[in-house]
Amino acid sequence: MSSLLVAAAEPTISISGALRESGLSVMEARSACDALTIAAQHPIALLVSNERLPDMSGPDLARACFEQHALHSVLLTEGDGVECAPYPTGVVARLCTRVAENVIPTIRAVSSLARELRSARAREQELRTALTAEREINTAIGVLMERLQITRENAFERLRGYARSQRKRIVDVSCGLLGCAEESKRITAQLMGVDAAARNSAALDE
């Protein structure tokens, strides 16, 4: 389960405690360096950071977390002008701690949205990976059809059978076939032998 990461030089007992009481998992960091380390080692849903930290500003930490981990942030400030201040990279909300009644509900809402965004990005990446794999397999099938003068179905069956015999994924075999010339020739030669082996087996059965 992903957690919220609260970064503050001084213990933020009220905010961290209130977030925990509302049912959220919370991790704490006393510096930007600690926050970056935690973000790299744990699944974090959202960064909640003070504007000022001992080793880095809150906006700079937010930018680093977004660039390195695609992690969105909420910045906490005690000053005025929150609404008109520009949002740094990765920051989705800027909250004034003087308006205490708005802080926790807003963080909860943003945390939920951040989780949805990360889930959507994960699904998008899975789709891209699947499309890339399909493209590699289809290209390899086309190469085999041309080299061995066989049907598309036959080419796919050979790829699948060879992948099973090598305990590899079809996409990995396809990438090998489309890779360096030496590896491509080796795989093609072995796939050419698939049909010969099948004919010999059929002859023995007769």
C-alpha atoms as a PDB file:
ATOM      1  CA  MET A   1       0.000   0.000   0.000  1.00  0.00           C
ATOM      2  CA  SER A   2       1.328   3.444  -0.909  1.00  0.00           C
ATOM      3  CA  SER A   3       1.833   6.072   1.800  1.00  0.00           C
ATOM      4  CA  LEU A   4       1.868   9.825   2.105  1.00  0.00           C
ATOM      5  CA  LEU A   5       5.305  11.321   2.679  1.00  0.00           C
ATOM      6  CA  VAL A   6       5.349  14.372   4.954  1.00  0.00           C
ATOM      7  CA  ALA A   7       8.575  16.392   4.701  1.00  0.00           C
ATOM      8  CA  ALA A   8       9.230  19.000   7.386  1.00  0.00           C
ATOM      9  CA  ALA A   9      12.257  20.139   9.374  1.00  0.00           C
ATOM     10  CA  GLU A  10      10.228  20.084  12.590  1.00  0.00           C
ATOM     11  CA  PRO A  11       7.848  17.291  13.585  1.00  0.00           C
ATOM     12  CA  THR A  12       4.468  17.945  11.984  1.00  0.00           C
ATOM     13  CA  ILE A  13       2.537  16.119  14.689  1.00  0.00           C
ATOM     14  CA  SER A  14      -0.796  17.786  14.010  1.00  0.00           C
ATOM     15  CA  ILE A  15      -0.826  17.163  10.250  1.00  0.00           C
ATOM     16  CA  SER A  16       0.775  13.712  10.311  1.00  0.00           C
ATOM     17  CA  GLY A  17      -1.400  12.626  13.226  1.00  0.00           C
ATOM     18  CA  ALA A  18      -4.572  13.952  11.639  1.00  0.00           C
ATOM     19  CA  LEU A  19      -3.758  12.186   8.378  1.00  0.00           C
ATOM     20  CA  ARG A  20      -3.176   8.923  10.232  1.00  0.00           C
ATOM     21  CA  GLU A  21      -6.418   9.363  12.153  1.00  0.00           C
ATOM     22  CA  SER A  22      -8.226   9.798   8.848  1.00  0.00           C
ATOM     23  CA  GLY A  23      -7.026   6.355   7.793  1.00  0.00           C
ATOM     24  CA  LEU A  24      -3.997   7.245   5.675  1.00  0.00           C
ATOM     25  CA  SER A  25      -0.554   5.686   5.956  1.00  0.00           C
ATOM     26  CA  VAL A  26       2.072   8.356   6.635  1.00  0.00           C
ATOM     27  CA  MET A  27       5.879   8.392   6.471  1.00  0.00           C
ATOM     28  CA  GLU A  28       7.926  11.365   7.677  1.00  0.00           C
ATOM     29  CA  ALA A  29      11.183  12.990   6.552  1.00  0.00           C
ATOM     30  CA  ARG A  30      13.128  15.743   8.294  1.00  0.00           C
ATOM     31  CA  SER A  31      14.992  16.904   5.195  1.00  0.00           C
ATOM     32  CA  ALA A  32      14.762  16.867   1.416  1.00  0.00           C
ATOM     33  CA  CYS A  33      17.562  14.298   1.280  1.00  0.00           C
ATOM     34  CA  ASP A  34      15.624  11.981   3.571  1.00  0.00           C
ATOM     35  CA  ALA A  35      12.479  12.525   1.518  1.00  0.00           C
ATOM     36  CA  LEU A  36      14.221  11.613  -1.733  1.00  0.00           C
ATOM     37  CA  THR A  37      15.668   8.478  -0.143  1.00  0.00           C
ATOM     38  CA  ILE A  38      12.267   7.400   1.163  1.00  0.00           C
ATOM     39  CA  ALA A  39      10.606   8.130  -2.185  1.00  0.00           C
ATOM     40  CA  ALA A  40      13.170   5.924  -3.917  1.00  0.00           C
ATOM     41  CA  GLN A  41      12.712   3.027  -1.504  1.00  0.00           C
ATOM     42  CA  HIS A  42       8.977   3.021  -0.750  1.00  0.00           C
ATOM     43  CA  PRO A  43       5.732   3.328  -2.720  1.00  0.00           C
ATOM     44  CA  ILE A  44       4.624   6.908  -2.081  1.00  0.00           C
ATOM     45  CA  ALA A  45       1.261   8.229  -3.256  1.00  0.00           C
ATOM     46  CA  LEU A  46       1.822  11.918  -2.504  1.00  0.00           C
ATOM     47  CA  LEU A  47       4.464  14.231  -1.055  1.00  0.00           C
ATOM     48  CA  VAL A  48       3.318  16.805   1.510  1.00  0.00           C
ATOM     49  CA  SER A  49       6.169  19.249   2.075  1.00  0.00           C
ATOM     50  CA  ASN A  50       6.805  22.507   3.876  1.00  0.00           C
ATOM     51  CA  GLU A  51       7.886  25.379   1.661  1.00  0.00           C
ATOM     52  CA  ARG A  52      11.185  25.532   3.549  1.00  0.00           C
ATOM     53  CA  LEU A  53      13.466  22.616   4.407  1.00  0.00           C
ATOM     54  CA  PRO A  54      17.019  22.735   5.826  1.00  0.00           C
ATOM     55  CA  ASP A  55      18.746  21.438   2.694  1.00  0.00           C
ATOM     56  CA  MET A  56      16.386  22.314  -0.156  1.00  0.00           C
ATOM     57  CA  SER A  57      13.285  24.377  -0.771  1.00  0.00           C
ATOM     58  CA  GLY A  58       9.919  22.662  -0.897  1.00  0.00           C
ATOM     59  CA  PRO A  59       9.383  23.572  -4.575  1.00  0.00           C
ATOM     60  CA  ASP A  60      12.804  22.166  -5.503  1.00  0.00           C
ATOM     61  CA  LEU A  61      12.041  18.945  -3.621  1.00  0.00           C
ATOM     62  CA  ALA A  62       8.675  18.716  -5.359  1.00  0.00           C
ATOM     63  CA  ARG A  63      10.352  19.150  -8.734  1.00  0.00           C
ATOM     64  CA  ALA A  64      12.974  16.494  -7.948  1.00  0.00           C
ATOM     65  CA  CYS A  65      10.356  14.007  -6.747  1.00  0.00           C
ATOM     66  CA  PHE A  66       8.269  14.544  -9.860  1.00  0.00           C
ATOM     67  CA  GLU A  67      11.215  14.216 -12.245  1.00  0.00           C
ATOM     68  CA  GLN A  68      12.710  11.180 -10.513  1.00  0.00           C
ATOM     69  CA  HIS A  69       9.600   9.319  -9.353  1.00  0.00           C
ATOM     70  CA  ALA A  70       6.613  10.953 -11.121  1.00  0.00           C
ATOM     71  CA  LEU A  71       5.447  11.895  -7.621  1.00  0.00           C
ATOM     72  CA  HIS A  72       2.980  14.764  -7.175  1.00  0.00           C
ATOM     73  CA  SER A  73       3.208  17.131  -4.210  1.00  0.00           C
ATOM     74  CA  VAL A  74       1.256  19.428  -1.926  1.00  0.00           C
ATOM     75  CA  LEU A  75       3.156  22.404  -0.501  1.00  0.00           C
ATOM     76  CA  LEU A  76       2.369  23.787   2.950  1.00  0.00           C
ATOM     77  CA  THR A  77       2.978  27.448   3.676  1.00  0.00           C
ATOM     78  CA  GLU A  78       2.223  29.806   6.537  1.00  0.00           C
ATOM     79  CA  GLY A  79       2.232  32.896   4.354  1.00  0.00           C
ATOM     80  CA  ASP A  80      -0.441  34.636   2.314  1.00  0.00           C
ATOM     81  CA  GLY A  81      -0.742  34.749  -1.435  1.00  0.00           C
ATOM     82  CA  VAL A  82      -1.225  31.010  -1.801  1.00  0.00           C
ATOM     83  CA  GLU A  83      -3.873  31.335  -4.469  1.00  0.00           C
ATOM     84  CA  CYS A  84      -1.886  33.643  -6.747  1.00  0.00           C
ATOM     85  CA  ALA A  85       1.515  31.968  -6.359  1.00  0.00           C
ATOM     86  CA  PRO A  86       2.550  29.890  -9.393  1.00  0.00           C
ATOM     87  CA  TYR A  87       2.687  26.128  -8.944  1.00  0.00           C
ATOM     88  CA  PRO A  88       6.156  24.599  -9.320  1.00  0.00           C
ATOM     89  CA  THR A  89       6.631  21.439 -11.377  1.00  0.00           C
ATOM     90  CA  GLY A  90       4.890  18.477  -9.771  1.00  0.00           C
ATOM     91  CA  VAL A  91       2.869  20.569  -7.306  1.00  0.00           C
ATOM     92  CA  VAL A  92      -0.900  20.094  -7.517  1.00  0.00           C
ATOM     93  CA  ALA A  93      -1.930  22.164  -4.486  1.00  0.00           C
ATOM     94  CA  ARG A  94      -0.567  24.861  -2.212  1.00  0.00           C
ATOM     95  CA  LEU A  95      -2.171  25.090   1.224  1.00  0.00           C
ATOM     96  CA  CYS A  96      -1.940  27.712   3.935  1.00  0.00           C
ATOM     97  CA  THR A  97      -1.638  26.022   7.312  1.00  0.00           C
ATOM     98  CA  ARG A  98      -3.363  29.005   8.928  1.00  0.00           C
ATOM     99  CA  VAL A  99      -6.608  27.722   7.402  1.00  0.00           C
ATOM    100  CA  ALA A 100      -6.357  24.441   9.286  1.00  0.00           C
ATOM    101  CA  GLU A 101      -9.845  23.170   8.515  1.00  0.00           C
ATOM    102  CA  ASN A 102      -9.036  22.949   4.796  1.00  0.00           C
ATOM    103  CA  VAL A 103      -5.661  21.217   5.014  1.00  0.00           C
ATOM    104  CA  ILE A 104      -6.560  17.606   5.835  1.00  0.00           C
ATOM    105  CA  PRO A 105      -9.638  17.317   3.555  1.00  0.00           C
ATOM    106  CA  THR A 106      -7.683  18.803   0.656  1.00  0.00           C
ATOM    107  CA  ILE A 107      -4.708  16.491   1.200  1.00  0.00           C
ATOM    108  CA  ARG A 108      -7.048  13.489   1.335  1.00  0.00           C
ATOM    109  CA  ALA A 109      -8.726  14.530  -1.912  1.00  0.00           C
ATOM    110  CA  VAL A 110      -5.421  15.194  -3.671  1.00  0.00           C
ATOM    111  CA  SER A 111      -4.020  11.888  -2.381  1.00  0.00           C
ATOM    112  CA  SER A 112      -6.934  10.011  -3.916  1.00  0.00           C
ATOM    113  CA  LEU A 113      -6.455  11.831  -7.208  1.00  0.00           C
ATOM    114  CA  ALA A 114      -2.703  11.161  -7.168  1.00  0.00           C
ATOM    115  CA  ARG A 115      -3.311   7.427  -6.714  1.00  0.00           C
ATOM    116  CA  GLU A 116      -5.699   7.461  -9.666  1.00  0.00           C
ATOM    117  CA  LEU A 117      -3.117   9.258 -11.806  1.00  0.00           C
ATOM    118  CA  ARG A 118      -0.394   6.749 -10.916  1.00  0.00           C
ATOM    119  CA  SER A 119      -2.749   3.864 -11.649  1.00  0.00           C
ATOM    120  CA  ALA A 120      -3.649   5.397 -15.012  1.00  0.00           C
ATOM    121  CA  ARG A 121       0.046   5.837 -15.874  1.00  0.00           C
ATOM    122  CA  ALA A 122       0.707   2.206 -14.933  1.00  0.00           C
ATOM    123  CA  ARG A 123      -2.129   1.024 -17.186  1.00  0.00           C
ATOM    124  CA  GLU A 124      -0.843   3.242 -19.989  1.00  0.00           C
ATOM    125  CA  GLN A 125       2.642   1.751 -19.636  1.00  0.00           C
ATOM    126  CA  GLU A 126       1.218  -1.778 -19.664  1.00  0.00           C
ATOM    127  CA  LEU A 127      -0.689  -0.967 -22.850  1.00  0.00           C
ATOM    128  CA  ARG A 128       2.409   0.481 -24.503  1.00  0.00           C
ATOM    129  CA  THR A 129       4.408  -2.612 -23.547  1.00  0.00           C
ATOM    130  CA  ALA A 130       1.712  -4.899 -24.945  1.00  0.00           C
ATOM    131  CA  LEU A 131       1.516  -2.930 -28.196  1.00  0.00           C
ATOM    132  CA  THR A 132       5.295  -2.994 -28.576  1.00  0.00           C
ATOM    133  CA  ALA A 133       5.359  -6.751 -27.990  1.00  0.00           C
ATOM    134  CA  GLU A 134       2.588  -7.304 -30.527  1.00  0.00           C
ATOM    135  CA  ARG A 135       4.441  -5.210 -33.092  1.00  0.00           C
ATOM    136  CA  GLU A 136       7.669  -7.177 -32.555  1.00  0.00           C
ATOM    137  CA  ILE A 137       5.858 -10.514 -32.870  1.00  0.00           C
ATOM    138  CA  ASN A 138       3.992  -9.479 -36.020  1.00  0.00           C
ATOM    139  CA  THR A 139       7.209  -8.225 -37.607  1.00  0.00           C
ATOM    140  CA  ALA A 140       8.997 -11.487 -36.753  1.00  0.00           C
ATOM    141  CA  ILE A 141       6.126 -13.485 -38.241  1.00  0.00           C
ATOM    142  CA  GLY A 142       6.421 -11.474 -41.444  1.00  0.00           C
ATOM    143  CA  VAL A 143      10.169 -12.126 -41.590  1.00  0.00           C
ATOM    144  CA  LEU A 144       9.642 -15.875 -41.179  1.00  0.00           C
ATOM    145  CA  MET A 145       6.913 -15.937 -43.816  1.00  0.00           C
ATOM    146  CA  GLU A 146       9.304 -14.361 -46.307  1.00  0.00           C
ATOM    147  CA  ARG A 147      12.389 -16.388 -45.390  1.00  0.00           C
ATOM    148  CA  LEU A 148      10.722 -19.786 -45.131  1.00  0.00           C
ATOM    149  CA  GLN A 149       7.897 -19.215 -47.607  1.00  0.00           C
ATOM    150  CA  ILE A 150       5.265 -20.348 -45.131  1.00  0.00           C
ATOM    151  CA  THR A 151       1.841 -19.147 -44.056  1.00  0.00           C
ATOM    152  CA  ARG A 152       1.264 -16.688 -41.248  1.00  0.00           C
ATOM    153  CA  GLU A 153      -0.301 -19.394 -39.089  1.00  0.00           C
ATOM    154  CA  ASN A 154       2.660 -21.708 -39.662  1.00  0.00           C
ATOM    155  CA  ALA A 155       5.122 -18.937 -38.828  1.00  0.00           C
ATOM    156  CA  PHE A 156       3.334 -18.162 -35.564  1.00  0.00           C
ATOM    157  CA  GLU A 157       3.157 -21.835 -34.570  1.00  0.00           C
ATOM    158  CA  ARG A 158       6.899 -22.204 -35.154  1.00  0.00           C
ATOM    159  CA  LEU A 159       7.646 -19.137 -33.084  1.00  0.00           C
ATOM    160  CA  ARG A 160       5.427 -20.353 -30.272  1.00  0.00           C
ATOM    161  CA  GLY A 161       6.819 -23.884 -30.349  1.00  0.00           C
ATOM    162  CA  TYR A 162      10.406 -22.638 -30.345  1.00  0.00           C
ATOM    163  CA  ALA A 163       9.686 -20.221 -27.484  1.00  0.00           C
ATOM    164  CA  ARG A 164       8.227 -23.055 -25.421  1.00  0.00           C
ATOM    165  CA  SER A 165      11.179 -25.329 -26.121  1.00  0.00           C
ATOM    166  CA  GLN A 166      13.573 -22.570 -25.021  1.00  0.00           C
ATOM    167  CA  ARG A 167      11.357 -21.536 -22.089  1.00  0.00           C
ATOM    168  CA  LYS A 168      11.231 -18.000 -23.405  1.00  0.00           C
ATOM    169  CA  ARG A 169       8.477 -15.550 -24.201  1.00  0.00           C
ATOM    170  CA  ILE A 170       7.422 -15.301 -27.835  1.00  0.00           C
ATOM    171  CA  VAL A 171       8.290 -11.598 -27.824  1.00  0.00           C
ATOM    172  CA  ASP A 172      11.850 -12.367 -26.654  1.00  0.00           C
ATOM    173  CA  VAL A 173      12.323 -14.891 -29.470  1.00  0.00           C
ATOM    174  CA  SER A 174      10.882 -12.341 -31.898  1.00  0.00           C
ATOM    175  CA  CYS A 175      13.341  -9.688 -30.715  1.00  0.00           C
ATOM    176  CA  GLY A 176      16.185 -12.165 -31.181  1.00  0.00           C
ATOM    177  CA  LEU A 177      15.007 -12.931 -34.697  1.00  0.00           C
ATOM    178  CA  LEU A 178      14.924  -9.214 -35.469  1.00  0.00           C
ATOM    179  CA  GLY A 179      18.245  -8.526 -33.742  1.00  0.00           C
ATOM    180  CA  CYS A 180      21.819  -9.058 -34.886  1.00  0.00           C
ATOM    181  CA  ALA A 181      22.342 -11.017 -38.111  1.00  0.00           C
ATOM    182  CA  GLU A 182      24.107 -13.945 -36.430  1.00  0.00           C
ATOM    183  CA  GLU A 183      21.376 -14.511 -33.846  1.00  0.00           C
ATOM    184  CA  SER A 184      18.679 -14.035 -36.470  1.00  0.00           C
ATOM    185  CA  LYS A 185      20.245 -16.666 -38.732  1.00  0.00           C
ATOM    186  CA  ARG A 186      20.621 -19.096 -35.837  1.00  0.00           C
ATOM    187  CA  ILE A 187      16.980 -18.824 -34.837  1.00  0.00           C
ATOM    188  CA  THR A 188      15.816 -19.036 -38.453  1.00  0.00           C
ATOM    189  CA  ALA A 189      17.866 -22.203 -38.986  1.00  0.00           C
ATOM    190  CA  GLN A 190      16.333 -23.803 -35.914  1.00  0.00           C
ATOM    191  CA  LEU A 191      12.854 -22.789 -36.999  1.00  0.00           C
ATOM    192  CA  MET A 192      13.500 -24.313 -40.421  1.00  0.00           C
ATOM    193  CA  GLY A 193      14.198 -27.590 -38.649  1.00  0.00           C
ATOM    194  CA  VAL A 194      10.850 -27.517 -36.898  1.00  0.00           C
ATOM    195  CA  ASP A 195       9.006 -28.546 -40.050  1.00  0.00           C
ATOM    196  CA  ALA A 196      11.545 -31.251 -40.873  1.00  0.00           C
ATOM    197  CA  ALA A 197      11.277 -32.697 -37.389  1.00  0.00           C
ATOM    198  CA  ALA A 198       7.497 -32.683 -37.648  1.00  0.00           C
ATOM    199  CA  ARG A 199       7.621 -34.554 -40.974  1.00  0.00           C
ATOM    200  CA  ASN A 200      10.013 -37.156 -39.575  1.00  0.00           C
ATOM    201  CA  SER A 201       7.781 -37.679 -36.570  1.00  0.00           C
ATOM    202  CA  ALA A 202       4.757 -38.107 -38.812  1.00  0.00           C
ATOM    203  CA  ALA A 203       6.626 -40.631 -40.981  1.00  0.00           C
ATOM    204  CA  LEU A 204       7.578 -42.697 -37.922  1.00  0.00           C
ATOM    205  CA  ASP A 205       3.966 -42.707 -36.762  1.00  0.00           C
ATOM    206  CA  GLU A 206       2.890 -44.125 -40.110  1.00  0.00           C
END
